[in-house]
C-alpha atoms as a PDB file:
ATOM      1  CA  MET A   1      -0.015  -0.335   0.232  1.00  0.00           C
ATOM      2  CA  GLN A   2       3.145   2.545   0.955  1.00  0.00           C
ATOM      3  CA  ALA A   3       4.715   1.632  -2.357  1.00  0.00           C
ATOM      4  CA  ASN A   4       1.545   2.215  -4.110  1.00  0.00           C
ATOM      5  CA  SER A   5       1.198   5.702  -2.875  1.00  0.00           C
ATOM      6  CA  GLU A   6       4.720   6.220  -2.959  1.00  0.00           C
ATOM      7  CA  LYS A   7       4.621   5.909  -7.106  1.00  0.00           C
ATOM      8  CA  LYS A   8       1.256   8.054  -7.150  1.00  0.00           C
ATOM      9  CA  ARG A   9       3.201  10.893  -5.707  1.00  0.00           C
ATOM     10  CA  ILE A  10       6.436  10.426  -7.859  1.00  0.00           C
ATOM     11  CA  PHE A  11       4.207  10.271 -10.854  1.00  0.00           C
ATOM     12  CA  ALA A  12       2.208  13.712  -9.956  1.00  0.00           C
ATOM     13  CA  ALA A  13       5.132  15.367  -9.021  1.00  0.00           C
ATOM     14  CA  SER A  14       6.993  14.050 -12.628  1.00  0.00           C
ATOM     15  CA  THR A  15       3.227  15.342 -14.248  1.00  0.00           C
ATOM     16  CA  LYS A  16       3.469  18.614 -12.041  1.00  0.00           C
ATOM     17  CA  ASN A  17       7.138  19.540 -13.519  1.00  0.00           C
ATOM     18  CA  LEU A  18       6.158  18.454 -16.948  1.00  0.00           C
ATOM     19  CA  VAL A  19       3.254  20.442 -17.163  1.00  0.00           C
ATOM     20  CA  TYR A  20       5.264  23.577 -16.020  1.00  0.00           C
ATOM     21  CA  PHE A  21       8.262  22.567 -18.515  1.00  0.00           C
ATOM     22  CA  LEU A  22       5.843  23.108 -21.010  1.00  0.00           C
ATOM     23  CA  MET A  23       4.697  26.024 -20.067  1.00  0.00           C
ATOM     24  CA  MET A  24       7.878  27.938 -20.132  1.00  0.00           C
ATOM     25  CA  GLU A  25       7.672  30.033 -23.458  1.00  0.00           C
ATOM     26  CA  THR A  26      10.172  32.165 -25.975  1.00  0.00           C
ATOM     27  CA  THR A  27       8.505  35.136 -27.420  1.00  0.00           C
ATOM     28  CA  LEU A  28       9.516  37.840 -29.671  1.00  0.00           C
ATOM     29  CA  VAL A  29       9.422  41.447 -28.994  1.00  0.00           C
ATOM     30  CA  LEU A  30      10.710  44.279 -31.453  1.00  0.00           C
ATOM     31  CA  LEU A  31      11.552  47.802 -29.921  1.00  0.00           C
ATOM     32  CA  LYS A  32      10.101  49.845 -32.942  1.00  0.00           C
ATOM     33  CA  PRO A  33      11.954  52.925 -34.639  1.00  0.00           C
ATOM     34  CA  SER A  34       9.413  54.792 -32.203  1.00  0.00           C
ATOM     35  CA  CYS A  35      10.991  53.638 -28.761  1.00  0.00           C
ATOM     36  CA  VAL A  36      14.790  53.527 -30.491  1.00  0.00           C
ATOM     37  CA  GLN A  37      14.346  57.423 -31.771  1.00  0.00           C
ATOM     38  CA  ARG A  38      12.655  58.288 -28.370  1.00  0.00           C
ATOM     39  CA  GLN A  39      15.778  56.416 -27.140  1.00  0.00           C
ATOM     40  CA  LEU A  40      13.577  54.529 -24.888  1.00  0.00           C
ATOM     41  CA  ILE A  41      15.608  50.948 -25.172  1.00  0.00           C
ATOM     42  CA  GLY A  42      16.472  50.614 -21.855  1.00  0.00           C
ATOM     43  CA  GLU A  43      13.665  51.669 -20.261  1.00  0.00           C
ATOM     44  CA  ILE A  44      11.465  48.958 -22.060  1.00  0.00           C
ATOM     45  CA  VAL A  45      13.974  45.833 -21.869  1.00  0.00           C
ATOM     46  CA  ASN A  46      14.218  46.738 -18.034  1.00  0.00           C
ATOM     47  CA  ARG A  47      10.695  46.384 -17.537  1.00  0.00           C
ATOM     48  CA  PHE A  48      10.683  43.415 -19.151  1.00  0.00           C
ATOM     49  CA  GLU A  49      13.643  42.164 -16.556  1.00  0.00           C
ATOM     50  CA  ARG A  50      12.031  43.343 -13.991  1.00  0.00           C
ATOM     51  CA  ARG A  51       8.893  41.512 -14.413  1.00  0.00           C
ATOM     52  CA  GLY A  52      11.162  38.064 -14.243  1.00  0.00           C
ATOM     53  CA  LEU A  53      11.414  38.029 -18.123  1.00  0.00           C
ATOM     54  CA  ARG A  54      14.708  36.180 -19.646  1.00  0.00           C
ATOM     55  CA  VAL A  55      16.499  38.029 -22.181  1.00  0.00           C
ATOM     56  CA  ALA A  56      17.544  34.963 -24.667  1.00  0.00           C
ATOM     57  CA  GLY A  57      18.243  37.005 -27.442  1.00  0.00           C
ATOM     58  CA  MET A  58      18.809  40.580 -28.258  1.00  0.00           C
ATOM     59  CA  LYS A  59      20.224  42.383 -31.203  1.00  0.00           C
ATOM     60  CA  MET A  60      19.868  45.565 -33.567  1.00  0.00           C
ATOM     61  CA  MET A  61      18.919  45.237 -36.985  1.00  0.00           C
ATOM     62  CA  GLN A  62      17.680  47.321 -39.854  1.00  0.00           C
ATOM     63  CA  LEU A  63      14.307  45.589 -41.501  1.00  0.00           C
ATOM     64  CA  SER A  64      14.286  45.041 -45.200  1.00  0.00           C
ATOM     65  CA  ASP A  65      11.542  45.140 -47.329  1.00  0.00           C
ATOM     66  CA  ASP A  66      11.478  41.620 -47.693  1.00  0.00           C
ATOM     67  CA  ILE A  67      11.175  40.983 -44.008  1.00  0.00           C
ATOM     68  CA  LEU A  68       8.732  43.682 -43.674  1.00  0.00           C
ATOM     69  CA  ARG A  69       6.668  41.915 -46.423  1.00  0.00           C
ATOM     70  CA  GLU A  70       7.299  38.648 -45.008  1.00  0.00           C
ATOM     71  CA  HIS A  71       6.106  39.607 -41.196  1.00  0.00           C
ATOM     72  CA  TYR A  72       3.206  41.925 -42.001  1.00  0.00           C
ATOM     73  CA  ALA A  73       2.181  39.275 -44.847  1.00  0.00           C
ATOM     74  CA  HIS A  74      -1.452  39.849 -43.381  1.00  0.00           C
ATOM     75  CA  LEU A  75      -1.343  43.642 -43.996  1.00  0.00           C
ATOM     76  CA  VAL A  76       0.537  44.074 -47.298  1.00  0.00           C
ATOM     77  CA  ASP A  77      -2.687  44.623 -49.383  1.00  0.00           C
ATOM     78  CA  ARG A  78      -3.799  46.967 -47.091  1.00  0.00           C
ATOM     79  CA  PRO A  79      -3.767  51.071 -48.147  1.00  0.00           C
ATOM     80  CA  PHE A  80      -1.866  51.762 -44.833  1.00  0.00           C
ATOM     81  CA  PHE A  81       1.143  49.284 -45.565  1.00  0.00           C
ATOM     82  CA  PRO A  82       3.286  51.396 -47.195  1.00  0.00           C
ATOM     83  CA  ALA A  83       3.336  54.061 -44.465  1.00  0.00           C
ATOM     84  CA  LEU A  84       3.831  51.153 -42.229  1.00  0.00           C
ATOM     85  CA  ALA A  85       7.018  49.416 -43.771  1.00  0.00           C
ATOM     86  CA  ALA A  86       8.723  53.247 -43.990  1.00  0.00           C
ATOM     87  CA  SER A  87       7.914  53.672 -40.189  1.00  0.00           C
ATOM     88  CA  MET A  88       9.291  50.398 -39.456  1.00  0.00           C
ATOM     89  CA  GLN A  89      12.297  51.177 -41.717  1.00  0.00           C
ATOM     90  CA  ALA A  90      12.875  55.088 -40.012  1.00  0.00           C
ATOM     91  CA  SER A  91      15.495  53.240 -37.904  1.00  0.00           C
ATOM     92  CA  PRO A  92      17.243  50.266 -36.834  1.00  0.00           C
ATOM     93  CA  VAL A  93      15.199  47.996 -34.491  1.00  0.00           C
ATOM     94  CA  VAL A  94      15.833  45.932 -31.673  1.00  0.00           C
ATOM     95  CA  ALA A  95      15.142  42.457 -31.755  1.00  0.00           C
ATOM     96  CA  LEU A  96      14.382  40.683 -28.611  1.00  0.00           C
ATOM     97  CA  ALA A  97      13.862  37.143 -27.329  1.00  0.00           C
ATOM     98  CA  LEU A  98      12.143  36.930 -23.861  1.00  0.00           C
ATOM     99  CA  SER A  99      11.828  33.505 -21.989  1.00  0.00           C
ATOM    100  CA  GLY A 100       9.810  32.792 -19.134  1.00  0.00           C
ATOM    101  CA  VAL A 101       6.491  31.033 -18.028  1.00  0.00           C
ATOM    102  CA  ASP A 102       3.627  31.989 -20.309  1.00  0.00           C
ATOM    103  CA  ALA A 103       6.103  34.906 -21.612  1.00  0.00           C
ATOM    104  CA  VAL A 104       3.940  35.345 -24.697  1.00  0.00           C
ATOM    105  CA  GLN A 105       0.892  36.219 -22.685  1.00  0.00           C
ATOM    106  CA  VAL A 106       2.471  38.116 -19.782  1.00  0.00           C
ATOM    107  CA  VAL A 107       4.386  40.354 -22.894  1.00  0.00           C
ATOM    108  CA  ARG A 108       1.302  40.765 -24.394  1.00  0.00           C
ATOM    109  CA  THR A 109      -0.588  42.021 -20.985  1.00  0.00           C
ATOM    110  CA  MET A 110       2.752  44.297 -20.340  1.00  0.00           C
ATOM    111  CA  THR A 111       2.541  45.927 -23.750  1.00  0.00           C
ATOM    112  CA  GLY A 112      -1.185  46.637 -23.570  1.00  0.00           C
ATOM    113  CA  SER A 113      -3.515  47.239 -26.405  1.00  0.00           C
ATOM    114  CA  THR A 114      -2.317  48.282 -30.043  1.00  0.00           C
ATOM    115  CA  ASN A 115      -3.385  51.987 -29.946  1.00  0.00           C
ATOM    116  CA  GLY A 116      -1.306  53.807 -27.414  1.00  0.00           C
ATOM    117  CA  ARG A 117      -4.095  55.857 -26.884  1.00  0.00           C
ATOM    118  CA  GLU A 118      -6.450  53.152 -25.956  1.00  0.00           C
ATOM    119  CA  ALA A 119      -3.873  51.463 -23.314  1.00  0.00           C
ATOM    120  CA  ALA A 120      -4.249  51.222 -20.009  1.00  0.00           C
ATOM    121  CA  PRO A 121      -1.785  53.459 -17.737  1.00  0.00           C
ATOM    122  CA  GLY A 122       0.948  50.953 -16.694  1.00  0.00           C
ATOM    123  CA  THR A 123       1.444  48.741 -20.027  1.00  0.00           C
ATOM    124  CA  ILE A 124       3.977  49.887 -22.008  1.00  0.00           C
ATOM    125  CA  ARG A 125       1.938  51.348 -25.091  1.00  0.00           C
ATOM    126  CA  GLY A 126      -0.171  53.342 -22.322  1.00  0.00           C
ATOM    127  CA  ASP A 127       2.695  54.786 -20.751  1.00  0.00           C
ATOM    128  CA  TYR A 128       5.013  55.499 -23.864  1.00  0.00           C
ATOM    129  CA  SER A 129       2.358  55.829 -26.786  1.00  0.00           C
ATOM    130  CA  MET A 130      -0.030  58.096 -28.227  1.00  0.00           C
ATOM    131  CA  SER A 131      -0.421  56.291 -31.691  1.00  0.00           C
ATOM    132  CA  ASN A 132      -1.722  53.013 -33.404  1.00  0.00           C
ATOM    133  CA  GLN A 133       1.432  52.877 -35.727  1.00  0.00           C
ATOM    134  CA  GLN A 134       4.090  54.639 -33.388  1.00  0.00           C
ATOM    135  CA  ASN A 135       3.200  52.349 -30.513  1.00  0.00           C
ATOM    136  CA  ILE A 136       6.750  51.525 -29.520  1.00  0.00           C
ATOM    137  CA  VAL A 137       6.534  47.609 -29.355  1.00  0.00           C
ATOM    138  CA  HIS A 138       5.625  44.460 -31.507  1.00  0.00           C
ATOM    139  CA  ALA A 139       5.251  41.389 -29.217  1.00  0.00           C
ATOM    140  CA  SER A 140       3.876  37.812 -30.757  1.00  0.00           C
ATOM    141  CA  ASP A 141       0.250  37.198 -30.345  1.00  0.00           C
ATOM    142  CA  SER A 142       0.640  33.554 -29.481  1.00  0.00           C
ATOM    143  CA  THR A 143       3.099  30.435 -29.030  1.00  0.00           C
ATOM    144  CA  SER A 144       2.390  29.302 -32.736  1.00  0.00           C
ATOM    145  CA  ASN A 145       3.306  32.866 -34.230  1.00  0.00           C
ATOM    146  CA  ALA A 146       6.357  33.466 -31.572  1.00  0.00           C
ATOM    147  CA  GLU A 147       8.153  30.208 -32.867  1.00  0.00           C
ATOM    148  CA  ILE A 148       7.298  31.356 -36.393  1.00  0.00           C
ATOM    149  CA  GLU A 149       8.777  34.893 -35.845  1.00  0.00           C
ATOM    150  CA  LEU A 150      11.833  34.103 -33.638  1.00  0.00           C
ATOM    151  CA  ARG A 151      12.803  32.044 -36.360  1.00  0.00           C
ATOM    152  CA  ARG A 152      12.432  35.174 -38.876  1.00  0.00           C
ATOM    153  CA  PHE A 153      14.669  37.260 -36.623  1.00  0.00           C
ATOM    154  CA  PHE A 154      16.881  34.829 -35.277  1.00  0.00           C
ATOM    155  CA  ARG A 155      18.915  32.174 -36.152  1.00  0.00           C
ATOM    156  CA  PRO A 156      18.872  29.419 -33.808  1.00  0.00           C
ATOM    157  CA  GLU A 157      22.773  30.207 -32.140  1.00  0.00           C
ATOM    158  CA  GLU A 158      21.487  34.161 -31.022  1.00  0.00           C
ATOM    159  CA  ILE A 159      18.635  32.205 -28.994  1.00  0.00           C
ATOM    160  CA  PHE A 160      20.471  31.175 -25.707  1.00  0.00           C
ATOM    161  CA  ASP A 161      19.051  28.751 -22.915  1.00  0.00           C
ATOM    162  CA  TYR A 162      20.458  29.792 -19.529  1.00  0.00           C
ATOM    163  CA  GLN A 163      19.091  30.099 -16.013  1.00  0.00           C
ATOM    164  CA  SER A 164      19.808  33.743 -14.254  1.00  0.00           C
ATOM    165  CA  GLY A 165      20.808  33.424 -10.656  1.00  0.00           C
ATOM    166  CA  THR A 166      17.675  35.579  -9.755  1.00  0.00           C
ATOM    167  CA  PHE A 167      15.802  32.330 -11.023  1.00  0.00           C
ATOM    168  CA  SER A 168      14.781  30.694  -7.550  1.00  0.00           C
ATOM    169  CA  TYR A 169      13.349  34.310  -6.508  1.00  0.00           C
ATOM    170  CA  ILE A 170      11.305  34.402  -9.842  1.00  0.00           C
ATOM    171  CA  TYR A 171       9.623  30.973  -9.799  1.00  0.00           C
ATOM    172  CA  GLY A 172       8.866  29.009  -6.865  1.00  0.00           C
ATOM    173  CA  ASP A 173       9.952  25.679  -6.142  1.00  0.00           C
ATOM    174  CA  GLY A 174       8.811  23.333  -9.065  1.00  0.00           C
ATOM    175  CA  GLU A 175       6.920  26.414 -10.938  1.00  0.00           C
ATOM    176  CA  ALA A 176       9.418  26.306 -13.780  1.00  0.00           C
ATOM    177  CA  LYS A 177      12.268  24.505 -15.383  1.00  0.00           C
END
């Protein structure tokens, strides 16, 4: 009887750890030219780090027409696409790969509504944006899109998997792997 109970406890612990492991995600954030030009890079990265997200990759890059047409394929035929592309090419952007438990949803919540005028105070767009287009950041909207977008902006060797020294102060025992 005791052996059976021990097996159930071990299975439950293993299942619990597996579930938490699956919740650990990496997502893409682009710090747009409106962020770069306003010299908010450090401020925005700091907000993500203070929340407990880990920077797994970061680089500055100038976006090409090809990458913009691919990234915004769902908008290419819209009349505002040329203005969107021009604004995204006004300066380099900073591409971030951020990791953490439920990272996609955490980042989306932190960024706020797309239109900065409608974004809640306390969100990145709510605190730093008054525009729908010049809205500081792009954030992946789902785990499947995060995977696609990360491959678009990073080579595999540019995303790092490491545990920070503060990990045990961000997540409780068994909460993340």
